[in-house]
Each structure stands twice: as C-alpha cells, then as structure tokens.
Amino acid sequence: MAACHNDALRDFLLGVLLPAVAECCHLTRSQSHNLWLESNNWWGLLAPAGTPAVAVRRLESVISRVLSARDMKTKFASQGAEVLNLGSLAYAKFLKAEAAKWSKVVRDAGIKAE
C-alpha cells in the first residue's frame, strides 16, 4: 500500500476493512492475506458525438497545457492524485477497458441492481 498518501486511510483499510471482508467471506487467515482491493477514481471530459475533430484537438491542446502546469500537478499530488494526460483516443480505449473489466466483475459476482 505504498501508494496510499493518507496514514489514516491506510490504517482503516488494513485494520478494519480487509479483516471485515475476510470475516464476511469466511476466509482463513492465510486466505485473507491474499485479498485484493482496488479503489480508484478518475475524471475526464467528454465531447458530444459529432464534435468536429478540429474542436476536439483544440480542447485537447488547451487541457493538456493546463494539466501539465507545475501548480496543477502539485495541487493534484497534494491530494494523492496523479495526472494522466490522455488524448481522446487513449481515453476512449481506457473507458472501454474499464467498462469491460467492471462489467465482468459484476457479472461474475452475480451483482444485481436494487
């Protein structure tokens, strides 16, 4: 958990959440050491379908310049965030991969909306 920038959060995850999951799932101590937990969030900007390519390129250029600024990187880092400055094609690929990954998790676990 080296990437955890907040000691209280790390302590909660290791001391409260993971043991609770292990107990709930009736895991042995050795099984509980193999628990995998992923928690992340991300933000992105989307343009409406049919937005002219020249407008998309212009937006990408301006957004990239802002996200590359030292003060922006510093502000994000102070909150434990990392800037991944993806262009529209890479971001579309990322969104498709995330949808596929989490759809599989939901399907495999039999999770149903309530």
N, C-alpha and C. Protein backbone atom coordinates (compact mmCIF):
# COMPACT_ATOMS: atom_id res chain seq x y z
N MET A 1 0.83 -1.19 0.00
CA MET A 1 0.00 0.00 0.00
C MET A 1 0.87 1.24 0.00
N ALA A 2 1.98 1.17 -0.67
CA ALA A 2 2.91 2.29 -0.71
C ALA A 2 2.32 3.53 -1.36
N ALA A 3 1.35 3.35 -2.24
CA ALA A 3 0.76 4.49 -2.94
C ALA A 3 -0.22 5.26 -2.07
N CYS A 4 -0.55 4.75 -0.91
CA CYS A 4 -1.52 5.41 -0.04
C CYS A 4 -0.87 6.63 0.61
N HIS A 5 -1.40 7.80 0.34
CA HIS A 5 -0.81 9.03 0.85
C HIS A 5 -1.37 9.43 2.20
N ASN A 6 -2.35 8.70 2.69
CA ASN A 6 -3.03 9.08 3.91
C ASN A 6 -2.91 7.94 4.91
N ASP A 7 -2.20 8.19 6.01
CA ASP A 7 -1.97 7.13 7.00
C ASP A 7 -3.27 6.63 7.62
N ALA A 8 -4.22 7.52 7.87
CA ALA A 8 -5.49 7.11 8.46
C ALA A 8 -6.25 6.18 7.52
N LEU A 9 -6.22 6.50 6.23
CA LEU A 9 -6.89 5.64 5.25
C LEU A 9 -6.22 4.28 5.19
N ARG A 10 -4.89 4.28 5.16
CA ARG A 10 -4.15 3.01 5.13
C ARG A 10 -4.49 2.17 6.36
N ASP A 11 -4.50 2.80 7.54
CA ASP A 11 -4.81 2.08 8.77
C ASP A 11 -6.23 1.51 8.74
N PHE A 12 -7.17 2.29 8.20
CA PHE A 12 -8.55 1.82 8.09
C PHE A 12 -8.64 0.62 7.17
N LEU A 13 -7.99 0.71 6.01
CA LEU A 13 -8.06 -0.39 5.04
C LEU A 13 -7.47 -1.66 5.62
N LEU A 14 -6.28 -1.54 6.22
CA LEU A 14 -5.59 -2.73 6.73
C LEU A 14 -6.17 -3.23 8.04
N GLY A 15 -6.64 -2.32 8.88
CA GLY A 15 -7.08 -2.71 10.22
C GLY A 15 -8.56 -2.98 10.35
N VAL A 16 -9.37 -2.43 9.46
CA VAL A 16 -10.83 -2.55 9.60
C VAL A 16 -11.46 -3.21 8.38
N LEU A 17 -11.25 -2.63 7.22
CA LEU A 17 -11.97 -3.09 6.04
C LEU A 17 -11.57 -4.50 5.61
N LEU A 18 -10.28 -4.76 5.44
CA LEU A 18 -9.87 -6.09 4.97
C LEU A 18 -10.23 -7.20 5.96
N PRO A 19 -10.04 -7.01 7.26
CA PRO A 19 -10.48 -8.06 8.19
C PRO A 19 -11.99 -8.28 8.15
N ALA A 20 -12.76 -7.22 7.96
CA ALA A 20 -14.21 -7.36 7.88
C ALA A 20 -14.61 -8.15 6.64
N VAL A 21 -13.95 -7.89 5.52
CA VAL A 21 -14.23 -8.64 4.30
C VAL A 21 -13.86 -10.10 4.51
N ALA A 22 -12.72 -10.35 5.10
CA ALA A 22 -12.28 -11.72 5.34
C ALA A 22 -13.29 -12.47 6.22
N GLU A 23 -13.78 -11.82 7.26
CA GLU A 23 -14.74 -12.45 8.16
C GLU A 23 -16.07 -12.71 7.45
N CYS A 24 -16.52 -11.72 6.73
CA CYS A 24 -17.78 -11.83 6.00
C CYS A 24 -17.75 -12.98 4.99
N CYS A 25 -16.62 -13.16 4.35
CA CYS A 25 -16.47 -14.18 3.31
C CYS A 25 -15.96 -15.50 3.87
N HIS A 26 -15.81 -15.60 5.21
CA HIS A 26 -15.36 -16.82 5.88
C HIS A 26 -14.00 -17.28 5.35
N LEU A 27 -13.09 -16.33 5.25
CA LEU A 27 -11.74 -16.65 4.77
C LEU A 27 -10.84 -17.02 5.94
N THR A 28 -9.92 -17.94 5.71
CA THR A 28 -8.93 -18.26 6.72
C THR A 28 -7.92 -17.12 6.77
N ARG A 29 -7.09 -17.14 7.81
CA ARG A 29 -6.07 -16.10 7.94
C ARG A 29 -5.15 -16.07 6.72
N SER A 30 -4.71 -17.24 6.25
CA SER A 30 -3.82 -17.26 5.09
C SER A 30 -4.54 -16.78 3.83
N GLN A 31 -5.81 -17.10 3.68
CA GLN A 31 -6.56 -16.61 2.53
C GLN A 31 -6.73 -15.10 2.59
N SER A 32 -6.92 -14.57 3.79
CA SER A 32 -7.16 -13.13 3.93
C SER A 32 -5.92 -12.31 3.54
N HIS A 33 -4.74 -12.93 3.62
CA HIS A 33 -3.52 -12.22 3.22
C HIS A 33 -3.45 -12.05 1.70
N ASN A 34 -4.28 -12.78 0.99
CA ASN A 34 -4.29 -12.69 -0.47
C ASN A 34 -5.43 -11.83 -0.99
N LEU A 35 -6.11 -11.13 -0.09
CA LEU A 35 -7.20 -10.27 -0.54
C LEU A 35 -6.66 -9.17 -1.43
N TRP A 36 -7.41 -8.85 -2.44
CA TRP A 36 -7.03 -7.81 -3.38
C TRP A 36 -8.10 -6.74 -3.31
N LEU A 37 -7.68 -5.52 -3.18
CA LEU A 37 -8.61 -4.40 -3.08
C LEU A 37 -8.17 -3.33 -4.06
N GLU A 38 -9.09 -2.89 -4.87
CA GLU A 38 -8.80 -1.80 -5.79
C GLU A 38 -9.79 -0.68 -5.52
N SER A 39 -9.26 0.49 -5.31
CA SER A 39 -10.11 1.66 -5.10
C SER A 39 -9.46 2.82 -5.82
N ASN A 40 -10.16 3.33 -6.79
CA ASN A 40 -9.62 4.48 -7.51
C ASN A 40 -10.77 5.28 -8.09
N ASN A 41 -10.45 6.43 -8.50
CA ASN A 41 -11.42 7.25 -9.21
C ASN A 41 -10.68 8.02 -10.28
N TRP A 42 -11.42 8.48 -11.24
CA TRP A 42 -10.80 9.24 -12.33
C TRP A 42 -11.83 10.20 -12.88
N TRP A 43 -11.31 11.23 -13.51
CA TRP A 43 -12.15 12.25 -14.11
C TRP A 43 -11.74 12.42 -15.55
N GLY A 44 -12.68 12.78 -16.37
CA GLY A 44 -12.37 13.04 -17.77
C GLY A 44 -13.42 13.94 -18.37
N LEU A 45 -13.09 14.48 -19.50
CA LEU A 45 -14.03 15.33 -20.23
C LEU A 45 -14.45 14.62 -21.50
N LEU A 46 -15.74 14.69 -21.79
CA LEU A 46 -16.27 14.08 -22.99
C LEU A 46 -16.96 15.15 -23.82
N ALA A 47 -16.79 15.08 -25.12
CA ALA A 47 -17.48 16.00 -26.02
C ALA A 47 -18.64 15.23 -26.66
N PRO A 48 -19.68 15.92 -27.06
CA PRO A 48 -20.81 15.24 -27.72
C PRO A 48 -20.37 14.55 -29.01
N ALA A 49 -21.04 13.47 -29.34
CA ALA A 49 -20.77 12.79 -30.60
C ALA A 49 -20.93 13.79 -31.74
N GLY A 50 -20.06 13.70 -32.71
CA GLY A 50 -20.15 14.59 -33.85
C GLY A 50 -19.42 15.91 -33.69
N THR A 51 -18.77 16.10 -32.54
CA THR A 51 -17.98 17.32 -32.36
C THR A 51 -16.87 17.33 -33.41
N PRO A 52 -16.71 18.43 -34.12
CA PRO A 52 -15.68 18.48 -35.17
C PRO A 52 -14.29 18.14 -34.61
N ALA A 53 -13.52 17.39 -35.38
CA ALA A 53 -12.18 16.96 -34.96
C ALA A 53 -11.30 18.14 -34.61
N VAL A 54 -11.42 19.24 -35.34
CA VAL A 54 -10.60 20.42 -35.05
C VAL A 54 -10.91 20.96 -33.66
N ALA A 55 -12.17 20.91 -33.25
CA ALA A 55 -12.54 21.37 -31.91
C ALA A 55 -12.00 20.43 -30.84
N VAL A 56 -12.06 19.13 -31.10
CA VAL A 56 -11.52 18.15 -30.15
C VAL A 56 -10.02 18.36 -29.98
N ARG A 57 -9.30 18.53 -31.07
CA ARG A 57 -7.85 18.76 -31.00
C ARG A 57 -7.53 20.04 -30.22
N ARG A 58 -8.31 21.08 -30.44
CA ARG A 58 -8.08 22.35 -29.72
C ARG A 58 -8.30 22.16 -28.22
N LEU A 59 -9.40 21.48 -27.86
CA LEU A 59 -9.67 21.21 -26.44
C LEU A 59 -8.54 20.39 -25.82
N GLU A 60 -8.11 19.34 -26.52
CA GLU A 60 -7.01 18.51 -26.02
C GLU A 60 -5.76 19.34 -25.78
N SER A 61 -5.46 20.25 -26.68
CA SER A 61 -4.28 21.09 -26.56
C SER A 61 -4.35 21.99 -25.33
N VAL A 62 -5.48 22.64 -25.14
CA VAL A 62 -5.65 23.55 -24.00
C VAL A 62 -5.64 22.78 -22.69
N ILE A 63 -6.37 21.67 -22.65
CA ILE A 63 -6.45 20.86 -21.42
C ILE A 63 -5.08 20.29 -21.08
N SER A 64 -4.35 19.82 -22.09
CA SER A 64 -3.01 19.28 -21.86
C SER A 64 -2.10 20.33 -21.27
N ARG A 65 -2.18 21.55 -21.79
CA ARG A 65 -1.33 22.64 -21.28
C ARG A 65 -1.66 22.93 -19.81
N VAL A 66 -2.93 22.95 -19.48
CA VAL A 66 -3.34 23.23 -18.09
C VAL A 66 -2.88 22.10 -17.17
N LEU A 67 -3.11 20.84 -17.58
CA LEU A 67 -2.74 19.71 -16.73
C LEU A 67 -1.23 19.54 -16.59
N SER A 68 -0.47 20.06 -17.53
CA SER A 68 0.99 19.97 -17.48
C SER A 68 1.63 21.05 -16.62
N ALA A 69 0.85 22.03 -16.22
CA ALA A 69 1.38 23.13 -15.41
C ALA A 69 1.84 22.60 -14.05
N ARG A 70 2.98 23.10 -13.60
CA ARG A 70 3.55 22.64 -12.33
C ARG A 70 2.59 22.81 -11.16
N ASP A 71 1.89 23.97 -11.09
CA ASP A 71 0.99 24.19 -9.96
C ASP A 71 -0.19 23.22 -9.97
N MET A 72 -0.65 22.83 -11.15
CA MET A 72 -1.74 21.85 -11.23
C MET A 72 -1.25 20.48 -10.75
N LYS A 73 -0.07 20.08 -11.21
CA LYS A 73 0.48 18.79 -10.77
C LYS A 73 0.69 18.77 -9.27
N THR A 74 1.19 19.88 -8.73
CA THR A 74 1.42 19.98 -7.30
C THR A 74 0.10 19.88 -6.53
N LYS A 75 -0.92 20.56 -7.01
CA LYS A 75 -2.22 20.53 -6.33
C LYS A 75 -2.80 19.12 -6.35
N PHE A 76 -2.76 18.47 -7.50
CA PHE A 76 -3.27 17.10 -7.58
C PHE A 76 -2.47 16.18 -6.66
N ALA A 77 -1.15 16.29 -6.69
CA ALA A 77 -0.30 15.44 -5.86
C ALA A 77 -0.57 15.63 -4.38
N SER A 78 -0.87 16.87 -3.96
CA SER A 78 -1.15 17.13 -2.55
C SER A 78 -2.42 16.43 -2.09
N GLN A 79 -3.24 16.03 -3.03
CA GLN A 79 -4.48 15.32 -2.71
C GLN A 79 -4.38 13.83 -3.03
N GLY A 80 -3.16 13.38 -3.30
CA GLY A 80 -2.94 11.97 -3.58
C GLY A 80 -3.36 11.56 -4.98
N ALA A 81 -3.49 12.52 -5.87
CA ALA A 81 -3.94 12.22 -7.24
C ALA A 81 -2.77 12.32 -8.20
N GLU A 82 -2.87 11.58 -9.26
CA GLU A 82 -1.86 11.58 -10.30
C GLU A 82 -2.53 12.00 -11.61
N VAL A 83 -1.93 12.91 -12.33
CA VAL A 83 -2.47 13.37 -13.60
C VAL A 83 -2.03 12.42 -14.71
N LEU A 84 -2.99 11.83 -15.39
CA LEU A 84 -2.72 11.05 -16.59
C LEU A 84 -3.35 11.82 -17.73
N ASN A 85 -2.53 12.48 -18.47
CA ASN A 85 -3.00 13.36 -19.52
C ASN A 85 -3.19 12.56 -20.81
N LEU A 86 -4.36 11.93 -20.95
CA LEU A 86 -4.64 11.08 -22.10
C LEU A 86 -5.32 11.91 -23.20
N GLY A 87 -5.00 11.62 -24.42
CA GLY A 87 -5.72 12.22 -25.53
C GLY A 87 -7.03 11.48 -25.74
N SER A 88 -7.83 11.95 -26.67
CA SER A 88 -9.17 11.39 -26.85
C SER A 88 -9.15 9.91 -27.25
N LEU A 89 -8.24 9.50 -28.09
CA LEU A 89 -8.19 8.09 -28.50
C LEU A 89 -7.78 7.19 -27.34
N ALA A 90 -6.76 7.59 -26.60
CA ALA A 90 -6.32 6.80 -25.45
C ALA A 90 -7.39 6.77 -24.36
N TYR A 91 -8.09 7.89 -24.17
CA TYR A 91 -9.13 7.93 -23.15
C TYR A 91 -10.31 7.04 -23.56
N ALA A 92 -10.67 7.03 -24.82
CA ALA A 92 -11.74 6.15 -25.30
C ALA A 92 -11.37 4.69 -25.06
N LYS A 93 -10.12 4.34 -25.33
CA LYS A 93 -9.64 2.98 -25.10
C LYS A 93 -9.70 2.64 -23.60
N PHE A 94 -9.29 3.60 -22.75
CA PHE A 94 -9.33 3.41 -21.31
C PHE A 94 -10.77 3.18 -20.83
N LEU A 95 -11.72 4.00 -21.31
CA LEU A 95 -13.12 3.86 -20.90
C LEU A 95 -13.68 2.49 -21.29
N LYS A 96 -13.36 2.03 -22.49
CA LYS A 96 -13.84 0.71 -22.93
C LYS A 96 -13.26 -0.39 -22.06
N ALA A 97 -11.97 -0.28 -21.72
CA ALA A 97 -11.33 -1.29 -20.87
C ALA A 97 -11.94 -1.31 -19.47
N GLU A 98 -12.19 -0.13 -18.91
CA GLU A 98 -12.81 -0.05 -17.58
C GLU A 98 -14.22 -0.65 -17.59
N ALA A 99 -14.99 -0.33 -18.61
CA ALA A 99 -16.35 -0.88 -18.71
C ALA A 99 -16.31 -2.40 -18.81
N ALA A 100 -15.39 -2.93 -19.61
CA ALA A 100 -15.27 -4.38 -19.75
C ALA A 100 -14.85 -5.03 -18.43
N LYS A 101 -13.86 -4.43 -17.76
CA LYS A 101 -13.34 -5.00 -16.51
C LYS A 101 -14.43 -5.05 -15.44
N TRP A 102 -15.12 -3.94 -15.23
CA TRP A 102 -16.09 -3.89 -14.15
C TRP A 102 -17.39 -4.60 -14.51
N SER A 103 -17.72 -4.67 -15.78
CA SER A 103 -18.89 -5.47 -16.20
C SER A 103 -18.65 -6.93 -15.87
N LYS A 104 -17.44 -7.41 -16.11
CA LYS A 104 -17.10 -8.79 -15.78
C LYS A 104 -17.18 -9.05 -14.28
N VAL A 105 -16.68 -8.12 -13.48
CA VAL A 105 -16.75 -8.26 -12.02
C VAL A 105 -18.20 -8.38 -11.58
N VAL A 106 -19.04 -7.50 -12.08
CA VAL A 106 -20.46 -7.51 -11.72
C VAL A 106 -21.11 -8.81 -12.17
N ARG A 107 -20.86 -9.22 -13.40
CA ARG A 107 -21.44 -10.45 -13.93
C ARG A 107 -20.97 -11.67 -13.14
N ASP A 108 -19.66 -11.79 -12.95
CA ASP A 108 -19.10 -12.96 -12.25
C ASP A 108 -19.56 -13.06 -10.82
N ALA A 109 -19.77 -11.92 -10.18
CA ALA A 109 -20.21 -11.92 -8.78
C ALA A 109 -21.73 -12.01 -8.65
N GLY A 110 -22.43 -11.94 -9.77
CA GLY A 110 -23.90 -12.01 -9.72
C GLY A 110 -24.53 -10.80 -9.07
N ILE A 111 -23.87 -9.67 -9.17
CA ILE A 111 -24.38 -8.45 -8.54
C ILE A 111 -25.59 -7.95 -9.32
N LYS A 112 -26.66 -7.62 -8.61
CA LYS A 112 -27.89 -7.12 -9.22
C LYS A 112 -28.21 -5.75 -8.65
N ALA A 113 -28.74 -4.88 -9.47
CA ALA A 113 -29.17 -3.55 -9.01
C ALA A 113 -30.37 -3.72 -8.09
N GLU A 114 -30.40 -2.92 -7.06
CA GLU A 114 -31.55 -2.98 -6.12
C GLU A 114 -32.37 -1.73 -6.25
